PDB file of N, CA and C in Angstrom:
ATOM      1  N   MET A   1      -1.438 -23.690 -12.208  1.00  0.00           N
ATOM      2  CA  MET A   1      -1.440 -22.489 -11.414  1.00  0.00           C
ATOM      3  C   MET A   1      -1.364 -21.282 -12.047  1.00  0.00           C
ATOM      4  N   THR A   2      -2.612 -20.457 -11.885  1.00  0.00           N
ATOM      5  CA  THR A   2      -2.410 -19.494 -12.490  1.00  0.00           C
ATOM      6  C   THR A   2      -1.502 -18.041 -11.961  1.00  0.00           C
ATOM      7  N   SER A   3      -0.715 -17.475 -12.504  1.00  0.00           N
ATOM      8  CA  SER A   3      -0.402 -16.459 -11.734  1.00  0.00           C
ATOM      9  C   SER A   3      -1.045 -15.440 -11.450  1.00  0.00           C
ATOM     10  N   ARG A   4      -0.787 -14.788 -10.316  1.00  0.00           N
ATOM     11  CA  ARG A   4      -1.529 -13.316 -10.253  1.00  0.00           C
ATOM     12  C   ARG A   4      -0.483 -12.190 -10.107  1.00  0.00           C
ATOM     13  N   TYR A   5      -0.945 -11.090 -10.722  1.00  0.00           N
ATOM     14  CA  TYR A   5      -0.287  -9.819 -10.769  1.00  0.00           C
ATOM     15  C   TYR A   5      -0.364  -8.928  -9.637  1.00  0.00           C
ATOM     16  N   TRP A   6       0.185  -8.337  -8.746  1.00  0.00           N
ATOM     17  CA  TRP A   6      -0.345  -7.564  -7.286  1.00  0.00           C
ATOM     18  C   TRP A   6       0.767  -6.490  -7.582  1.00  0.00           C
ATOM     19  N   ILE A   7      -0.021  -5.181  -7.255  1.00  0.00           N
ATOM     20  CA  ILE A   7       0.862  -3.794  -7.329  1.00  0.00           C
ATOM     21  C   ILE A   7       1.229  -3.088  -6.113  1.00  0.00           C
ATOM     22  N   ARG A   8       2.245  -3.096  -5.446  1.00  0.00           N
ATOM     23  CA  ARG A   8       2.627  -2.838  -4.379  1.00  0.00           C
ATOM     24  C   ARG A   8       2.733  -1.100  -4.232  1.00  0.00           C
ATOM     25  N   VAL A   9       2.014  -0.539  -3.236  1.00  0.00           N
ATOM     26  CA  VAL A   9       1.335   0.725  -2.841  1.00  0.00           C
ATOM     27  C   VAL A   9       1.950   1.133  -1.886  1.00  0.00           C
ATOM     28  N   PRO A  10       3.025   1.946  -1.641  1.00  0.00           N
ATOM     29  CA  PRO A  10       3.545   2.555  -0.276  1.00  0.00           C
ATOM     30  C   PRO A  10       2.232   3.530   0.030  1.00  0.00           C
ATOM     31  N   TYR A  11       2.629   4.031   1.624  1.00  0.00           N
ATOM     32  CA  TYR A  11       1.562   4.721   2.055  1.00  0.00           C
ATOM     33  C   TYR A  11       1.448   6.241   1.584  1.00  0.00           C
ATOM     34  N   ILE A  12       2.614   6.772   0.989  1.00  0.00           N
ATOM     35  CA  ILE A  12       2.725   7.990   0.649  1.00  0.00           C
ATOM     36  C   ILE A  12       1.922   7.941  -0.648  1.00  0.00           C
ATOM     37  N   ALA A  13       1.566   7.155  -1.265  1.00  0.00           N
ATOM     38  CA  ALA A  13       0.882   7.262  -2.814  1.00  0.00           C
ATOM     39  C   ALA A  13      -0.697   7.529  -2.241  1.00  0.00           C
ATOM     40  N   LEU A  14      -0.773   7.075  -1.115  1.00  0.00           N
ATOM     41  CA  LEU A  14      -2.295   7.326  -0.958  1.00  0.00           C
ATOM     42  C   LEU A  14      -2.682   7.945   0.505  1.00  0.00           C
ATOM     43  N   SER A  15      -1.839   8.831   1.399  1.00  0.00           N
ATOM     44  CA  SER A  15      -2.082   9.499   2.126  1.00  0.00           C
ATOM     45  C   SER A  15      -2.689  10.933   1.962  1.00  0.00           C
ATOM     46  N   SER A  16      -3.139  11.467   1.090  1.00  0.00           N
ATOM     47  CA  SER A  16      -3.458  12.635   0.524  1.00  0.00           C
ATOM     48  C   SER A  16      -4.786  12.733  -0.090  1.00  0.00           C
ATOM     49  N   GLY A  17      -4.686  11.145  -0.740  1.00  0.00           N
ATOM     50  CA  GLY A  17      -6.168  11.242  -1.424  1.00  0.00           C
ATOM     51  C   GLY A  17      -5.752  11.504  -2.909  1.00  0.00           C
ATOM     52  N   GLU A  18      -4.908  12.414  -3.562  1.00  0.00           N
ATOM     53  CA  GLU A  18      -4.224  12.729  -4.791  1.00  0.00           C
ATOM     54  C   GLU A  18      -3.858  11.552  -5.258  1.00  0.00           C
ATOM     55  N   GLY A  19      -4.156  11.433  -6.654  1.00  0.00           N
ATOM     56  CA  GLY A  19      -3.633  10.940  -7.944  1.00  0.00           C
ATOM     57  C   GLY A  19      -4.444   8.913  -7.378  1.00  0.00           C
ATOM     58  N   ILE A  20      -5.393   9.052  -6.596  1.00  0.00           N
ATOM     59  CA  ILE A  20      -6.004   7.514  -6.380  1.00  0.00           C
ATOM     60  C   ILE A  20      -6.470   7.218  -7.579  1.00  0.00           C
ATOM     61  N   ASP A  21      -7.495   8.023  -8.144  1.00  0.00           N
ATOM     62  CA  ASP A  21      -8.245   7.750  -9.587  1.00  0.00           C
ATOM     63  C   ASP A  21      -7.282   7.067 -10.551  1.00  0.00           C
ATOM     64  N   SER A  22      -6.120   8.213 -10.483  1.00  0.00           N
ATOM     65  CA  SER A  22      -4.849   7.467 -11.848  1.00  0.00           C
ATOM     66  C   SER A  22      -4.259   6.164 -11.543  1.00  0.00           C
ATOM     67  N   LEU A  23      -4.187   5.933  -9.836  1.00  0.00           N
ATOM     68  CA  LEU A  23      -3.549   4.727  -9.344  1.00  0.00           C
ATOM     69  C   LEU A  23      -4.352   3.667 -10.207  1.00  0.00           C
ATOM     70  N   ILE A  24      -5.759   3.691  -9.761  1.00  0.00           N
ATOM     71  CA  ILE A  24      -6.665   2.546 -10.316  1.00  0.00           C
ATOM     72  C   ILE A  24      -6.794   2.803 -11.651  1.00  0.00           C
ATOM     73  N   ASP A  25      -6.619   3.522 -12.242  1.00  0.00           N
ATOM     74  CA  ASP A  25      -6.557   3.352 -13.870  1.00  0.00           C
ATOM     75  C   ASP A  25      -5.335   2.656 -13.919  1.00  0.00           C
ATOM     76  N   PHE A  26      -4.163   2.844 -13.642  1.00  0.00           N
ATOM     77  CA  PHE A  26      -3.173   2.288 -14.046  1.00  0.00           C
ATOM     78  C   PHE A  26      -2.811   0.511 -13.765  1.00  0.00           C
ATOM     79  N   CYS A  27      -3.681   0.678 -12.605  1.00  0.00           N
ATOM     80  CA  CYS A  27      -3.913  -1.220 -11.726  1.00  0.00           C
ATOM     81  C   CYS A  27      -4.546  -1.507 -13.077  1.00  0.00           C
ATOM     82  N   ARG A  28      -5.579  -0.966 -13.327  1.00  0.00           N
ATOM     83  CA  ARG A  28      -6.731  -1.498 -14.250  1.00  0.00           C
ATOM     84  C   ARG A  28      -6.141  -1.912 -15.931  1.00  0.00           C
ATOM     85  N   ALA A  29      -5.319  -0.949 -16.398  1.00  0.00           N
ATOM     86  CA  ALA A  29      -4.729  -1.070 -17.489  1.00  0.00           C
ATOM     87  C   ALA A  29      -3.506  -1.780 -17.427  1.00  0.00           C
ATOM     88  N   SER A  30      -2.851  -1.956 -16.600  1.00  0.00           N
ATOM     89  CA  SER A  30      -1.768  -3.556 -16.469  1.00  0.00           C
ATOM     90  C   SER A  30      -2.685  -4.531 -16.027  1.00  0.00           C
ATOM     91  N   ARG A  31      -3.870  -4.648 -16.093  1.00  0.00           N
ATOM     92  CA  ARG A  31      -4.340  -6.040 -15.805  1.00  0.00           C
ATOM     93  C   ARG A  31      -3.893  -6.933 -14.534  1.00  0.00           C
ATOM     94  N   ALA A  32      -3.758  -5.846 -13.558  1.00  0.00           N
ATOM     95  CA  ALA A  32      -3.314  -6.153 -12.171  1.00  0.00           C
ATOM     96  C   ALA A  32      -4.409  -6.978 -11.634  1.00  0.00           C
ATOM     97  N   HIS A  33      -4.150  -7.876 -10.737  1.00  0.00           N
ATOM     98  CA  HIS A  33      -5.418  -8.679  -9.922  1.00  0.00           C
ATOM     99  C   HIS A  33      -5.790  -8.040  -8.747  1.00  0.00           C
ATOM    100  N   GLY A  34      -4.877  -7.030  -8.241  1.00  0.00           N
ATOM    101  CA  GLY A  34      -5.037  -6.312  -6.846  1.00  0.00           C
ATOM    102  C   GLY A  34      -3.739  -5.562  -6.746  1.00  0.00           C
ATOM    103  N   VAL A  35      -4.061  -4.873  -5.083  1.00  0.00           N
ATOM    104  CA  VAL A  35      -2.724  -3.948  -5.101  1.00  0.00           C
ATOM    105  C   VAL A  35      -2.602  -4.419  -3.540  1.00  0.00           C
ATOM    106  N   LEU A  36      -1.403  -4.182  -3.153  1.00  0.00           N
ATOM    107  CA  LEU A  36      -0.940  -4.512  -1.766  1.00  0.00           C
ATOM    108  C   LEU A  36      -0.477  -3.043  -1.311  1.00  0.00           C
ATOM    109  N   LEU A  37      -1.524  -2.878  -0.067  1.00  0.00           N
ATOM    110  CA  LEU A  37      -1.408  -1.246   0.033  1.00  0.00           C
ATOM    111  C   LEU A  37      -0.626  -1.296   1.785  1.00  0.00           C
ATOM    112  N   PHE A  38       0.367  -0.373   1.528  1.00  0.00           N
ATOM    113  CA  PHE A  38       1.695  -0.790   2.732  1.00  0.00           C
ATOM    114  C   PHE A  38       1.045   0.422   3.720  1.00  0.00           C
ATOM    115  N   THR A  39       1.338   0.194   5.149  1.00  0.00           N
ATOM    116  CA  THR A  39       1.248   1.668   6.054  1.00  0.00           C
ATOM    117  C   THR A  39       2.727   2.277   5.897  1.00  0.00           C
ATOM    118  N   ALA A  40       3.580   1.487   5.457  1.00  0.00           N
ATOM    119  CA  ALA A  40       4.899   2.025   5.274  1.00  0.00           C
ATOM    120  C   ALA A  40       5.253   3.044   4.345  1.00  0.00           C
ATOM    121  N   ASN A  41       6.306   3.443   4.174  1.00  0.00           N
ATOM    122  CA  ASN A  41       6.707   4.096   2.795  1.00  0.00           C
ATOM    123  C   ASN A  41       8.079   3.012   2.410  1.00  0.00           C
ATOM    124  N   VAL A  42       8.109   1.957   2.847  1.00  0.00           N
ATOM    125  CA  VAL A  42       9.150   0.733   2.390  1.00  0.00           C
ATOM    126  C   VAL A  42      10.403   1.551   2.739  1.00  0.00           C
ATOM    127  N   ASP A  43      11.299   2.135   1.650  1.00  0.00           N
ATOM    128  CA  ASP A  43      12.629   1.821   2.113  1.00  0.00           C
ATOM    129  C   ASP A  43      12.948   3.624   2.529  1.00  0.00           C
ATOM    130  N   THR A  44      11.932   4.370   2.682  1.00  0.00           N
ATOM    131  CA  THR A  44      12.045   5.847   3.299  1.00  0.00           C
ATOM    132  C   THR A  44      11.914   5.581   4.722  1.00  0.00           C
ATOM    133  N   GLU A  45      11.367   4.664   5.314  1.00  0.00           N
ATOM    134  CA  GLU A  45      11.019   4.779   6.869  1.00  0.00           C
ATOM    135  C   GLU A  45      11.626   3.472   7.196  1.00  0.00           C
ATOM    136  N   PRO A  46      11.150   3.737   8.721  1.00  0.00           N
ATOM    137  CA  PRO A  46      11.870   2.059   9.599  1.00  0.00           C
ATOM    138  C   PRO A  46      11.074   1.162   9.129  1.00  0.00           C
ATOM    139  N   GLY A  47      11.490  -0.077   9.221  1.00  0.00           N
ATOM    140  CA  GLY A  47      10.556  -1.124   8.727  1.00  0.00           C
ATOM    141  C   GLY A  47       9.407  -1.433   9.986  1.00  0.00           C
ATOM    142  N   LEU A  48       9.261  -0.933  11.113  1.00  0.00           N
ATOM    143  CA  LEU A  48       8.419  -0.816  12.353  1.00  0.00           C
ATOM    144  C   LEU A  48       8.525   0.527  12.443  1.00  0.00           C
ATOM    145  N   LEU A  49       6.518   0.720  12.285  1.00  0.00           N
ATOM    146  CA  LEU A  49       6.440   2.197  12.933  1.00  0.00           C
ATOM    147  C   LEU A  49       5.755   1.888  14.456  1.00  0.00           C
ATOM    148  N   ASP A  50       5.983   2.918  14.977  1.00  0.00           N
ATOM    149  CA  ASP A  50       5.026   2.854  16.178  1.00  0.00           C
ATOM    150  C   ASP A  50       3.256   2.474  15.807  1.00  0.00           C
ATOM    151  N   VAL A  51       2.645   2.272  17.236  1.00  0.00           N
ATOM    152  CA  VAL A  51       1.414   1.536  16.899  1.00  0.00           C
ATOM    153  C   VAL A  51       0.442   2.796  16.820  1.00  0.00           C
ATOM    154  N   ASP A  52       0.903   4.091  17.286  1.00  0.00           N
ATOM    155  CA  ASP A  52      -0.092   5.232  16.822  1.00  0.00           C
ATOM    156  C   ASP A  52      -0.186   5.540  15.590  1.00  0.00           C
ATOM    157  N   ASP A  53       0.769   5.185  14.930  1.00  0.00           N
ATOM    158  CA  ASP A  53       1.482   5.842  13.389  1.00  0.00           C
ATOM    159  C   ASP A  53       0.827   4.573  12.784  1.00  0.00           C
ATOM    160  N   VAL A  54       0.574   3.400  12.994  1.00  0.00           N
ATOM    161  CA  VAL A  54       0.145   2.297  12.009  1.00  0.00           C
ATOM    162  C   VAL A  54      -1.400   2.186  12.469  1.00  0.00           C
ATOM    163  N   GLN A  55      -2.045   2.630  13.531  1.00  0.00           N
ATOM    164  CA  GLN A  55      -3.246   2.995  13.527  1.00  0.00           C
ATOM    165  C   GLN A  55      -3.900   3.951  12.526  1.00  0.00           C
ATOM    166  N   LYS A  56      -3.402   5.187  12.930  1.00  0.00           N
ATOM    167  CA  LYS A  56      -3.963   5.943  11.860  1.00  0.00           C
ATOM    168  C   LYS A  56      -3.856   5.882  10.265  1.00  0.00           C
ATOM    169  N   ARG A  57      -2.730   5.519  10.141  1.00  0.00           N
ATOM    170  CA  ARG A  57      -2.378   4.886   8.601  1.00  0.00           C
ATOM    171  C   ARG A  57      -3.325   3.913   7.919  1.00  0.00           C
ATOM    172  N   THR A  58      -3.278   2.914   8.677  1.00  0.00           N
ATOM    173  CA  THR A  58      -4.405   1.908   8.438  1.00  0.00           C
ATOM    174  C   THR A  58      -6.073   2.189   8.189  1.00  0.00           C
ATOM    175  N   THR A  59      -6.420   3.416   9.580  1.00  0.00           N
ATOM    176  CA  THR A  59      -7.462   3.778   9.267  1.00  0.00           C
ATOM    177  C   THR A  59      -7.711   4.754   8.001  1.00  0.00           C
ATOM    178  N   ARG A  60      -7.117   5.491   7.265  1.00  0.00           N
ATOM    179  CA  ARG A  60      -6.695   5.775   6.069  1.00  0.00           C
ATOM    180  C   ARG A  60      -6.814   4.766   5.018  1.00  0.00           C
ATOM    181  N   LEU A  61      -5.935   3.824   5.441  1.00  0.00           N
ATOM    182  CA  LEU A  61      -6.051   2.761   4.039  1.00  0.00           C
ATOM    183  C   LEU A  61      -7.219   2.320   3.969  1.00  0.00           C
ATOM    184  N   LYS A  62      -7.827   1.667   5.521  1.00  0.00           N
ATOM    185  CA  LYS A  62      -9.210   1.469   4.951  1.00  0.00           C
ATOM    186  C   LYS A  62     -10.386   1.847   4.639  1.00  0.00           C
ATOM    187  N   SER A  63     -10.022   3.339   4.195  1.00  0.00           N
ATOM    188  CA  SER A  63     -11.106   4.533   3.599  1.00  0.00           C
ATOM    189  C   SER A  63     -10.835   4.241   2.060  1.00  0.00           C
ATOM    190  N   VAL A  64      -9.968   3.862   1.641  1.00  0.00           N
ATOM    191  CA  VAL A  64      -9.715   3.976   0.530  1.00  0.00           C
ATOM    192  C   VAL A  64      -9.732   2.452  -0.177  1.00  0.00           C
ATOM    193  N   VAL A  65      -9.800   1.467   0.735  1.00  0.00           N
ATOM    194  CA  VAL A  65      -9.893   0.054   0.045  1.00  0.00           C
ATOM    195  C   VAL A  65     -11.340   0.162  -0.876  1.00  0.00           C
ATOM    196  N   PRO A  66     -12.355   0.346  -0.472  1.00  0.00           N
ATOM    197  CA  PRO A  66     -13.830   0.291  -1.566  1.00  0.00           C
ATOM    198  C   PRO A  66     -13.671   0.818  -2.643  1.00  0.00           C
ATOM    199  N   LEU A  67     -12.468   2.102  -3.385  1.00  0.00           N
ATOM    200  CA  LEU A  67     -12.391   2.579  -4.225  1.00  0.00           C
ATOM    201  C   LEU A  67     -11.725   1.650  -5.185  1.00  0.00           C
ATOM    202  N   PHE A  68     -10.919   0.691  -4.545  1.00  0.00           N
ATOM    203  CA  PHE A  68     -10.179  -0.368  -5.495  1.00  0.00           C
ATOM    204  C   PHE A  68     -11.167  -1.367  -5.488  1.00  0.00           C
ATOM    205  N   ARG A  69     -11.428  -1.771  -4.541  1.00  0.00           N
ATOM    206  CA  ARG A  69     -12.559  -2.917  -4.733  1.00  0.00           C
ATOM    207  C   ARG A  69     -13.594  -2.655  -5.737  1.00  0.00           C
ATOM    208  N   ASP A  70     -14.511  -1.659  -5.716  1.00  0.00           N
ATOM    209  CA  ASP A  70     -15.077  -0.867  -6.835  1.00  0.00           C
ATOM    210  C   ASP A  70     -14.837  -0.965  -8.115  1.00  0.00           C
ATOM    211  N   ALA A  71     -13.362  -0.821  -8.209  1.00  0.00           N
ATOM    212  CA  ALA A  71     -12.611  -1.026  -9.709  1.00  0.00           C
ATOM    213  C   ALA A  71     -12.225  -2.548  -9.981  1.00  0.00           C
ATOM    214  N   GLY A  72     -12.988  -3.608  -8.978  1.00  0.00           N
ATOM    215  CA  GLY A  72     -12.600  -4.882  -9.329  1.00  0.00           C
ATOM    216  C   GLY A  72     -11.326  -5.556  -9.183  1.00  0.00           C
ATOM    217  N   LEU A  73     -10.725  -4.859  -8.148  1.00  0.00           N
ATOM    218  CA  LEU A  73      -9.036  -5.115  -7.937  1.00  0.00           C
ATOM    219  C   LEU A  73      -9.237  -5.821  -6.634  1.00  0.00           C
ATOM    220  N   ASP A  74      -8.533  -6.814  -6.058  1.00  0.00           N
ATOM    221  CA  ASP A  74      -8.590  -7.448  -4.774  1.00  0.00           C
ATOM    222  C   ASP A  74      -7.373  -6.299  -3.771  1.00  0.00           C
ATOM    223  N   VAL A  75      -7.367  -6.486  -2.535  1.00  0.00           N
ATOM    224  CA  VAL A  75      -7.000  -5.178  -1.586  1.00  0.00           C
ATOM    225  C   VAL A  75      -6.506  -6.262  -0.486  1.00  0.00           C
ATOM    226  N   HIS A  76      -5.024  -6.124  -0.254  1.00  0.00           N
ATOM    227  CA  HIS A  76      -4.798  -6.457   1.023  1.00  0.00           C
ATOM    228  C   HIS A  76      -3.804  -5.277   1.526  1.00  0.00           C
ATOM    229  N   ILE A  77      -3.774  -5.144   2.969  1.00  0.00           N
ATOM    230  CA  ILE A  77      -3.112  -4.097   3.864  1.00  0.00           C
ATOM    231  C   ILE A  77      -1.689  -4.795   4.470  1.00  0.00           C
ATOM    232  N   ASN A  78      -0.574  -4.361   4.225  1.00  0.00           N
ATOM    233  CA  ASN A  78       0.419  -4.712   4.652  1.00  0.00           C
ATOM    234  C   ASN A  78       0.884  -3.968   5.796  1.00  0.00           C
ATOM    235  N   VAL A  79       1.123  -4.173   7.137  1.00  0.00           N
ATOM    236  CA  VAL A  79       1.024  -3.323   8.047  1.00  0.00           C
ATOM    237  C   VAL A  79       2.230  -3.290   8.471  1.00  0.00           C
ATOM    238  N   HIS A  80       3.493  -4.051   8.134  1.00  0.00           N
ATOM    239  CA  HIS A  80       4.821  -3.938   8.505  1.00  0.00           C
ATOM    240  C   HIS A  80       5.381  -4.268   7.024  1.00  0.00           C
ATOM    241  N   SER A  81       6.643  -3.335   6.941  1.00  0.00           N
ATOM    242  CA  SER A  81       7.356  -3.684   5.365  1.00  0.00           C
ATOM    243  C   SER A  81       8.699  -4.460   6.245  1.00  0.00           C
ATOM    244  N   THR A  82       9.375  -5.072   5.269  1.00  0.00           N
ATOM    245  CA  THR A  82      10.392  -5.722   6.018  1.00  0.00           C
ATOM    246  C   THR A  82      11.218  -5.362   6.797  1.00  0.00           C
ATOM    247  N   LEU A  83      11.558  -5.656   7.890  1.00  0.00           N
ATOM    248  CA  LEU A  83      12.296  -5.432   9.140  1.00  0.00           C
ATOM    249  C   LEU A  83      13.694  -4.898   8.280  1.00  0.00           C
ATOM    250  N   GLY A  84      13.867  -3.648   9.040  1.00  0.00           N
ATOM    251  CA  GLY A  84      15.334  -2.947   8.673  1.00  0.00           C
ATOM    252  C   GLY A  84      15.233  -1.903   7.268  1.00  0.00           C
ATOM    253  N   HIS A  85      14.155  -2.230   6.530  1.00  0.00           N
ATOM    254  CA  HIS A  85      14.378  -1.172   5.492  1.00  0.00           C
ATOM    255  C   HIS A  85      14.217  -0.051   5.754  1.00  0.00           C
ATOM    256  N   GLY A  86      15.079   0.701   5.171  1.00  0.00           N
ATOM    257  CA  GLY A  86      15.210   2.363   5.732  1.00  0.00           C
ATOM    258  C   GLY A  86      15.918   2.626   6.896  1.00  0.00           C
ATOM    259  N   SER A  87      16.136   1.656   7.610  1.00  0.00           N
ATOM    260  CA  SER A  87      17.069   1.785   8.764  1.00  0.00           C
ATOM    261  C   SER A  87      18.500   2.014   8.544  1.00  0.00           C
ATOM    262  N   PRO A  88      19.067   3.431   8.992  1.00  0.00           N
ATOM    263  CA  PRO A  88      20.364   3.613   9.054  1.00  0.00           C
ATOM    264  C   PRO A  88      21.212   2.921   9.671  1.00  0.00           C
ATOM    265  N   THR A  89      20.769   2.203  10.824  1.00  0.00           N
ATOM    266  CA  THR A  89      21.441   1.710  11.506  1.00  0.00           C
ATOM    267  C   THR A  89      21.798  -0.184  11.336  1.00  0.00           C
ATOM    268  N   ILE A  90      21.217  -0.229  10.004  1.00  0.00           N
ATOM    269  CA  ILE A  90      21.118  -1.834   9.761  1.00  0.00           C
ATOM    270  C   ILE A  90      22.144  -2.049   8.872  1.00  0.00           C
ATOM    271  N   ASN A  91      23.183  -2.711   9.025  1.00  0.00           N
ATOM    272  CA  ASN A  91      24.136  -2.821   7.483  1.00  0.00           C
ATOM    273  C   ASN A  91      23.995  -3.979   6.895  1.00  0.00           C
TER     274      ASN A  91
END
């Protein structure tokens, strides 16, 4: 079985559009097979966002998917980070 190398990308890295070219360059230089694009910012937000936020963020992520695919990278969108990440009420 061949290992595959994926780079996890939190939403904040893609929200403004700045730095996406550099991120793609990094992915290619590191010989990653693809990226996991998150709708959340992993540890800095609750694990579950409200539906409106997820829909807005997913729309944004869908607009950058072709950039990664054109660079030869596989793309997956992860709509939920691990439950409880970033939640101050979870011990």
